[in-house]
Protein backbone atom coordinates (compact mmCIF):
# COMPACT_ATOMS: atom_id res chain seq x y z
CA MET A 1 185.33 117.81 2.98
CA ASN A 2 184.97 120.92 1.02
CA SER A 3 184.25 123.93 3.26
CA ASN A 4 184.22 126.28 0.08
CA LYS A 5 180.86 127.88 -1.24
CA VAL A 6 179.90 129.20 -3.97
CA TYR A 7 176.72 131.15 -3.96
CA VAL A 8 174.59 132.22 -6.99
CA MET A 9 172.93 134.86 -6.59
CA ILE A 10 169.45 135.97 -9.06
CA ASP A 11 169.15 139.76 -9.06
CA ALA A 12 166.78 141.39 -11.39
CA LEU A 13 169.62 143.91 -13.16
CA LYS A 14 172.95 143.76 -13.60
CA TRP A 15 175.64 144.46 -10.89
CA PRO A 16 175.72 148.28 -10.57
CA GLN A 17 178.40 150.63 -11.93
CA ASP A 18 178.09 153.16 -9.35
CA ARG A 19 177.94 150.86 -5.54
CA ILE A 20 174.09 151.50 -5.09
CA ASN A 21 174.18 149.53 -1.28
CA TYR A 22 170.67 148.22 -2.12
CA ARG A 23 169.64 145.07 0.50
CA ARG A 24 171.38 142.70 -1.92
CA HIS A 25 174.15 144.47 -3.32
CA ARG A 26 175.61 144.60 0.60
CA LEU A 27 174.85 140.53 1.00
CA ALA A 28 176.43 139.35 -1.65
CA ARG A 29 179.14 142.19 -0.63
CA PHE A 30 179.50 140.31 2.25
CA LEU A 31 179.18 137.17 1.40
CA ALA A 32 182.43 137.68 -1.03
CA ARG A 33 184.03 138.35 2.13
CA GLN A 34 183.69 135.42 3.62
CA THR A 35 186.97 133.61 3.34
CA ASP A 36 185.67 130.25 2.41
CA THR A 37 183.70 131.65 -0.24
CA ASN A 38 185.10 130.80 -3.60
CA LEU A 39 182.98 132.72 -5.77
CA VAL A 40 179.49 134.69 -5.90
CA LEU A 41 177.90 134.49 -9.59
CA TRP A 42 175.65 137.47 -10.22
CA VAL A 43 173.19 136.29 -12.19
CA TYR A 44 170.31 138.50 -13.77
CA PRO A 45 167.89 138.78 -17.25
CA VAL A 46 169.17 140.36 -20.65
CA SER A 47 165.82 141.28 -22.18
CA ALA A 48 165.29 141.90 -25.72
CA SER A 49 162.25 143.21 -26.96
CA PRO A 50 160.64 143.71 -30.61
CA ARG A 51 159.48 146.93 -30.59
CA LYS A 52 163.09 148.61 -29.43
CA HIS A 53 165.03 148.55 -32.86
CA GLY A 54 168.61 146.49 -32.31
CA SER A 55 167.59 144.94 -29.00
CA TYR A 56 168.17 141.54 -29.47
CA GLN A 57 171.68 142.01 -31.20
CA GLU A 58 172.37 144.37 -28.55
CA ALA A 59 171.79 141.12 -26.10
CA LYS A 60 173.49 138.62 -28.31
CA GLU A 61 176.66 141.09 -28.16
CA LYS A 62 176.66 141.22 -24.49
CA LEU A 63 176.44 137.38 -23.86
CA LYS A 64 179.26 136.74 -25.90
CA ASN A 65 181.45 137.44 -23.25
CA ASN A 66 179.58 136.31 -20.22
CA PHE A 67 180.58 135.97 -17.05
CA TYR A 68 182.79 138.72 -16.43
CA PRO A 69 184.22 140.30 -13.19
CA ALA A 70 182.19 142.92 -11.18
CA ALA A 71 183.35 146.16 -11.69
CA GLY A 72 185.39 147.28 -8.71
CA GLU A 73 184.58 143.68 -6.85
CA GLU A 74 186.58 140.91 -5.23
CA LYS A 75 184.94 137.62 -5.79
CA ILE A 76 181.85 138.75 -7.68
CA VAL A 77 181.44 137.61 -11.52
CA GLU A 78 178.52 138.84 -13.05
CA CYS A 79 176.28 136.23 -15.46
CA ALA A 80 173.39 137.31 -17.47
CA LEU A 81 170.88 135.06 -18.93
CA PRO A 82 168.48 135.78 -22.04
CA ASP A 83 165.08 136.65 -21.88
CA PHE A 84 164.37 136.99 -25.14
CA VAL A 85 160.61 135.66 -25.82
CA PRO A 86 157.70 138.24 -25.42
CA GLY A 87 155.75 138.75 -22.19
CA ARG A 88 158.57 137.89 -20.38
CA TYR A 89 157.93 133.68 -20.12
CA MET A 90 161.96 132.58 -19.91
CA LEU A 91 162.54 135.07 -17.40
CA PHE A 92 159.40 133.64 -14.89
CA LYS A 93 158.40 130.21 -16.46
CA SER A 94 161.08 128.17 -18.44
CA GLY A 95 164.57 128.76 -19.70
CA LEU A 96 163.75 126.75 -22.93
CA ALA A 97 167.14 125.78 -25.28
CA ASN A 98 169.13 128.70 -23.08
CA PRO A 99 172.84 128.19 -24.20
CA VAL A 100 174.46 130.31 -21.24
CA LEU A 101 172.54 127.66 -18.87
CA ASN A 102 174.93 124.96 -20.05
CA GLU A 103 177.68 127.41 -19.60
CA LEU A 104 176.44 128.08 -16.19
CA LYS A 105 175.78 123.89 -15.75
CA GLU A 106 179.27 123.07 -16.69
CA TYR A 107 181.30 125.51 -14.37
CA LEU A 108 178.79 124.49 -11.22
CA GLN A 109 179.77 120.44 -11.62
CA LYS A 110 183.09 121.14 -11.99
CA THR A 111 183.55 122.95 -8.87
CA ARG A 112 183.51 120.70 -5.86
CA ALA A 113 182.99 123.92 -3.44
CA LYS A 114 179.35 123.72 -1.76
CA LYS A 115 177.10 125.35 -4.47
CA ILE A 116 174.39 127.28 -2.75
CA LEU A 117 171.55 128.91 -5.03
CA LEU A 118 170.21 131.95 -3.58
CA PHE A 119 167.56 134.11 -5.11
CA THR A 120 167.01 138.40 -4.01
CA TYR A 121 164.23 138.24 -7.27
CA PRO A 122 162.30 135.80 -8.33
CA ALA A 123 163.24 135.05 -11.98
CA PHE A 124 164.66 132.40 -13.40
CA PRO A 125 162.70 129.66 -10.78
CA TYR A 126 163.33 127.10 -13.08
CA LEU A 127 167.09 126.81 -12.09
CA ASP A 128 166.07 125.03 -9.11
CA GLY A 129 166.42 121.73 -11.14
CA LEU A 130 169.66 123.00 -13.23
CA ILE A 131 171.97 120.57 -10.98
CA LYS A 132 171.42 119.62 -7.24
CA TRP A 133 171.93 122.41 -5.05
CA ASP A 134 173.18 121.85 -1.46
CA ARG A 135 171.17 124.58 -0.23
CA ILE A 136 168.27 126.86 -1.99
CA ILE A 137 167.38 130.47 -0.33
CA TYR A 138 165.17 132.74 -1.01
CA ASP A 139 165.62 136.60 0.57
CA CYS A 140 162.42 138.73 -0.37
CA SER A 141 162.66 142.57 -0.03
CA ASP A 142 159.91 143.84 -1.90
CA LEU A 143 156.13 142.94 -2.51
CA TRP A 144 157.38 142.26 -6.27
CA GLN A 145 153.91 141.37 -8.04
CA GLU A 146 152.45 144.65 -7.18
CA PRO A 147 153.30 147.83 -8.80
CA SER A 148 155.78 150.15 -7.00
CA GLY A 149 153.42 153.57 -7.57
CA GLY A 150 150.75 151.62 -6.48
CA SER A 151 148.14 151.81 -8.83
CA ARG A 152 147.52 148.72 -11.04
CA SER A 153 147.41 148.69 -14.61
CA ASN A 154 144.41 146.84 -16.27
CA THR A 155 146.37 145.50 -19.42
CA PHE A 156 146.68 141.93 -20.48
CA SER A 157 150.56 142.28 -20.10
CA ALA A 158 150.96 143.91 -16.93
CA LYS A 159 148.18 141.06 -15.66
CA LEU A 160 149.74 137.90 -16.87
CA ALA A 161 153.16 139.34 -15.86
CA GLY A 162 152.20 139.67 -12.09
CA ARG A 163 150.90 136.38 -12.37
CA LEU A 164 154.28 134.85 -13.46
CA ILE A 165 155.84 136.87 -10.93
CA ALA A 166 153.53 135.40 -8.28
CA SER A 167 154.42 132.17 -9.86
CA ALA A 168 157.71 132.40 -9.90
CA GLU A 169 158.05 133.22 -6.43
CA ASN A 170 155.66 130.67 -4.90
CA ARG A 171 157.87 128.07 -6.66
CA ILE A 172 160.91 129.64 -5.36
CA VAL A 173 159.43 129.62 -1.86
CA LYS A 174 158.03 125.78 -2.21
CA LYS A 175 162.05 124.71 -3.00
CA SER A 176 164.06 127.06 -0.54
CA ASP A 177 165.33 125.26 2.29
CA PHE A 178 164.98 128.68 3.93
CA VAL A 179 163.21 132.03 3.58
CA PHE A 180 164.13 134.97 4.76
CA ALA A 181 161.91 138.74 4.44
CA SER A 182 162.75 141.89 4.86
CA SER A 183 159.37 142.91 7.08
CA VAL A 184 156.85 141.02 8.43
CA TYR A 185 154.71 142.18 6.49
CA LEU A 186 156.89 140.30 3.55
CA ALA A 187 156.85 137.20 5.81
CA GLU A 188 153.12 136.56 6.58
CA ASN A 189 152.65 137.19 3.19
CA ILE A 190 154.50 134.69 2.13
CA ARG A 191 153.66 132.49 4.51
CA ALA A 192 149.64 132.85 4.14
CA ARG A 193 150.42 132.07 0.38
CA THR A 194 152.41 129.26 0.49
CA GLY A 195 152.27 127.98 4.56
CA ARG A 196 156.29 128.38 4.91
CA GLN A 197 157.65 129.63 7.57
CA VAL A 198 159.83 133.01 6.95
CA ILE A 199 162.36 134.08 8.77
CA THR A 200 162.23 138.38 9.50
CA VAL A 201 165.37 139.77 9.14
CA GLU A 202 164.57 144.04 8.57
CA ASN A 203 167.14 146.00 6.54
CA GLY A 204 169.84 147.57 9.00
CA VAL A 205 172.60 150.37 8.70
CA ASP A 206 176.34 150.84 7.97
CA LEU A 207 177.68 151.63 11.36
CA ALA A 208 180.93 153.02 9.58
CA TYR A 209 178.22 156.21 8.87
CA LEU A 210 178.64 156.42 13.21
CA ASN A 211 182.59 155.62 13.10
CA GLU A 212 184.04 157.23 10.44
CA ILE A 213 184.50 161.19 9.86
CA VAL A 214 183.54 161.95 6.55
CA PRO A 215 185.92 164.84 5.75
CA VAL A 216 183.27 167.01 4.07
CA ARG A 217 181.22 169.49 4.23
CA SER A 218 177.61 169.53 2.82
CA ASP A 219 177.98 173.26 1.72
CA ASP A 220 174.93 173.11 -0.72
CA LEU A 221 173.00 172.91 2.44
CA ASN A 222 174.80 175.42 4.98
CA HIS A 223 172.89 178.15 3.03
CA LEU A 224 169.65 176.81 3.41
CA PRO A 225 167.17 178.58 5.91
CA ARG A 226 166.03 176.38 8.85
CA PRO A 227 164.70 174.18 10.01
CA ARG A 228 165.23 171.97 7.26
CA LEU A 229 163.25 168.33 6.66
CA GLY A 230 164.68 166.12 4.22
CA TYR A 231 164.56 162.94 2.16
CA ILE A 232 167.11 160.95 1.17
CA GLY A 233 166.92 158.54 -1.44
CA ALA A 234 165.85 157.84 -5.39
CA MET A 235 162.99 159.71 -6.14
CA ARG A 236 160.94 156.84 -6.89
CA SER A 237 157.42 156.66 -7.59
CA LYS A 238 156.90 155.04 -4.30
CA ILE A 239 157.18 158.50 -2.62
CA ASP A 240 154.31 160.86 -2.42
CA PHE A 241 155.81 163.60 -4.15
CA GLU A 242 151.47 165.30 -3.65
CA LEU A 243 152.24 165.51 0.38
CA LEU A 244 155.69 166.43 0.25
CA TYR A 245 154.09 169.60 -2.27
CA GLU A 246 151.36 169.84 0.56
CA LEU A 247 153.96 170.31 3.20
CA ALA A 248 155.72 172.69 1.57
CA LEU A 249 152.65 174.98 0.52
CA SER A 250 151.42 174.87 4.30
CA ASN A 251 155.34 175.91 5.83
CA PRO A 252 156.89 178.45 3.71
CA GLY A 253 159.41 179.53 6.39
CA TRP A 254 160.37 176.06 6.10
CA SER A 255 163.33 174.42 3.54
CA ILE A 256 162.04 171.12 2.52
CA VAL A 257 165.32 169.09 0.72
CA LEU A 258 165.71 166.32 -1.27
CA VAL A 259 168.93 164.24 -1.69
CA GLY A 260 168.95 161.57 -4.41
CA PRO A 261 169.03 160.90 -8.02
CA ASP A 262 165.43 161.26 -10.18
CA CYS A 263 164.35 157.73 -11.39
CA LEU A 264 160.92 159.16 -13.05
CA ASN A 265 162.39 161.14 -15.34
CA ARG A 266 160.88 164.67 -13.97
CA LYS A 267 157.49 163.21 -13.51
CA GLU A 268 154.24 166.27 -13.60
CA THR A 269 153.88 165.97 -9.78
CA PHE A 270 158.01 165.81 -9.35
CA ASN A 271 158.38 169.08 -11.15
CA GLN A 272 154.89 170.35 -9.52
CA LEU A 273 157.07 170.48 -6.12
CA LEU A 274 160.00 171.39 -7.42
CA GLY A 275 158.38 174.69 -8.69
CA LEU A 276 158.33 175.48 -4.90
CA ASP A 277 160.87 178.23 -3.64
CA ASN A 278 161.18 176.38 -0.34
CA VAL A 279 161.78 173.04 -2.07
CA TYR A 280 165.64 172.42 -2.80
CA TRP A 281 166.80 169.09 -5.05
CA THR A 282 170.48 168.30 -4.88
CA GLY A 283 170.81 164.86 -7.93
CA GLU A 284 172.84 162.29 -7.40
CA ILE A 285 175.45 162.76 -4.74
CA LYS A 286 178.61 160.42 -3.87
CA PRO A 287 177.60 157.83 -1.11
CA GLU A 288 180.21 158.99 1.31
CA LEU A 289 178.44 162.00 1.66
CA ILE A 290 175.08 160.30 2.92
CA PRO A 291 175.76 161.13 6.44
CA ALA A 292 177.06 165.14 6.19
CA TYR A 293 173.95 165.44 4.31
CA ILE A 294 171.49 164.26 7.08
CA ARG A 295 173.54 165.52 10.06
CA ASN A 296 172.42 169.05 8.40
CA LEU A 297 169.19 168.75 8.91
CA ASP A 298 166.65 169.07 11.31
CA VAL A 299 163.78 165.92 10.58
CA GLY A 300 164.50 162.91 8.53
CA LEU A 301 161.01 162.19 6.53
CA LEU A 302 159.54 159.00 5.53
CA PRO A 303 157.04 160.49 2.20
CA TYR A 304 155.88 156.90 1.78
CA LYS A 305 152.39 156.53 -0.34
CA GLU A 306 149.70 154.38 0.90
CA SER A 307 150.16 151.51 -1.10
CA THR A 308 149.96 147.31 -0.78
CA TYR A 309 153.75 147.36 -2.20
CA ASN A 310 154.76 150.27 0.83
CA LYS A 311 153.32 147.88 3.13
CA ALA A 312 156.29 145.93 2.85
CA VAL A 313 158.75 148.25 2.71
CA PHE A 314 161.74 148.44 5.22
CA PRO A 315 163.08 151.56 4.53
CA ILE A 316 167.49 151.52 4.50
CA LYS A 317 167.09 155.27 5.08
CA PHE A 318 165.26 154.79 8.58
CA TYR A 319 168.34 153.66 10.59
CA GLU A 320 170.48 155.74 8.20
CA TYR A 321 168.76 159.29 9.78
CA LEU A 322 168.66 157.89 13.10
CA SER A 323 172.49 157.08 13.21
CA GLN A 324 173.42 160.94 12.52
CA GLY A 325 171.05 161.54 15.85
CA ILE A 326 168.22 163.06 13.94
CA PRO A 327 164.29 162.91 14.85
CA VAL A 328 162.74 161.16 12.29
CA VAL A 329 158.60 161.26 10.81
CA GLY A 330 157.10 158.65 8.06
CA CYS A 331 154.33 157.87 6.55
CA GLY A 332 153.01 154.78 4.43
CA VAL A 333 155.51 152.20 5.81
CA PRO A 334 153.76 150.48 8.27
CA SER A 335 156.73 148.13 8.95
CA THR A 336 158.08 150.83 11.14
CA ALA A 337 155.81 151.55 13.20
CA GLN A 338 156.76 149.24 16.02
CA TYR A 339 159.39 152.09 15.99
CA SER A 340 157.30 154.56 16.89
CA GLN A 341 158.38 156.70 20.11
CA GLU A 342 158.47 160.25 21.04
CA LYS A 343 161.27 162.14 19.97
CA ILE A 344 162.71 159.35 18.25
CA TYR A 345 160.45 158.55 16.10
CA LEU A 346 156.72 159.31 14.86
CA HIS A 347 154.93 157.02 12.45
CA VAL A 348 151.10 158.55 11.43
CA GLN A 349 148.44 158.49 8.47
CA ARG A 350 148.94 161.02 5.83
CA GLU A 351 147.00 163.04 7.27
CA GLU A 352 148.56 163.35 10.20
CA PHE A 353 151.95 164.12 8.71
CA LYS A 354 151.75 167.75 8.99
CA ALA A 355 151.37 167.59 12.22
CA ALA A 356 153.89 165.57 13.43
CA CYS A 357 156.49 167.40 11.50
CA GLN A 358 155.66 170.30 12.95
CA LYS A 359 155.51 168.13 16.53
CA ALA A 360 159.39 167.00 15.78
CA LEU A 361 160.56 170.24 15.43
CA SER A 362 159.42 171.39 19.04
CA TRP A 363 161.54 168.48 20.26
CA PRO A 364 164.86 169.93 21.92
CA ALA A 365 167.51 170.40 19.72
CA ASP A 366 171.07 168.07 19.93
CA ASN A 367 173.17 170.36 21.66
CA GLN A 368 170.06 170.69 24.59
CA ASP A 369 169.15 167.18 24.76
CA THR A 370 172.13 164.97 24.62
CA PHE A 371 170.77 162.02 25.61
CA THR A 372 167.84 162.02 22.95
CA LYS A 373 170.44 161.76 20.41
CA MET A 374 171.96 159.09 21.76
CA SER A 375 169.13 157.08 22.18
CA ARG A 376 168.31 157.55 18.30
CA ILE A 377 171.80 156.39 18.05
CA ASN A 378 171.67 153.65 19.71
CA LEU A 379 168.57 152.45 18.27
CA ALA A 380 170.08 152.65 14.77
CA ARG A 381 173.25 150.63 16.25
CA GLY A 382 170.54 147.89 17.26
CA GLY A 383 169.77 147.63 13.64
CA SER A 384 173.64 146.92 12.10
CA TRP A 385 174.46 145.38 8.74
CA GLU A 386 176.80 143.46 10.12
CA LYS A 387 174.74 141.39 12.50
CA LYS A 388 171.70 141.01 10.01
CA LEU A 389 174.17 139.94 7.54
CA SER A 390 176.21 137.54 9.75
CA PHE A 391 173.12 136.03 11.56
CA MET A 392 172.07 135.09 7.93
CA ALA A 393 174.96 133.73 6.52
CA GLY A 394 175.26 132.06 9.50
CA LYS A 395 171.96 130.02 9.36
CA ILE A 396 172.99 128.85 5.72
CA LYS A 397 175.96 128.03 7.04
CA ASP A 398 175.01 126.09 9.80
CA SER A 399 172.80 124.20 7.47
CA LEU A 400 175.35 122.39 5.68
């Protein structure tokens, strides 16, 4: 019996060119590295809008050269599916007469490998009926029907999109053989809506951060006065920039460091924060430099808005901070509250955030308290991506 496997992974976006390491990308790369994996097909939507001139022609041109290798990856191939109907009906409800589906079906029917449909985003739910799949899996890492910025739009299109996403996700969950979730909140949310059992696998950390010495000095930070409190990650609407503004304004002797790309197009609250003299933004940096930047901080920050969306978030940077031995302070991400403990991590309410940062700074420095530093690092070691992804892949393999 052929034990080789083909994974068809569903995501919201094309494979990134800059090797961003979100959970779904790590899972795809992990599966592609397995000797019994023939191929990982990364399926994503290509949308066109009547309000964007030339978008239909642009999308059609892309589809002519479909099924192309992902840049810099082995055994990962991209496949775009068109979404040409306004209202995202084709994305979440029906494929109608989609010619790309015929190509995908033809390829899958030719291979003798085990065929596994793996949703990482609740798009194209009708793919469950494309062929007879050996397994259908859903790995949920976000509360997709909620706005990430915390404020819900009351427009008809926004409400319709929310209902379509929820309906698509419910169908995927009910059809899946296994459902994974990246936080307890997500698992309980899915279980309450569908009655399905969900396996919680939180986000992890790449232990190469611990085992490899990156031969790069973060000179961009060395000139900044201490203490340095920093947030490392994309500048997105789920981050509480008003809280960081209050923190920086009330503590002018602290350096507030922001490291990561601007995904807000310089939104007003972000611009206001950058106007303070003790706030420093580096912009996007290479992933391999992240450990060096973290090591140059005194406290790692998780300043999330207290929103429904963020209740489901388990930040990847939580373990990344701890892997470098620095203390962490967070709010708005209750999924991390179970790890809150003295000298390691404080998860607090928004109004307690400034006091918690002050407390974290009062803890002995690493060179004075090696035991505490190793306690932080050991907590990060327990969150190894290798362990978590091996567990997920093992569950799938053992069920076949």
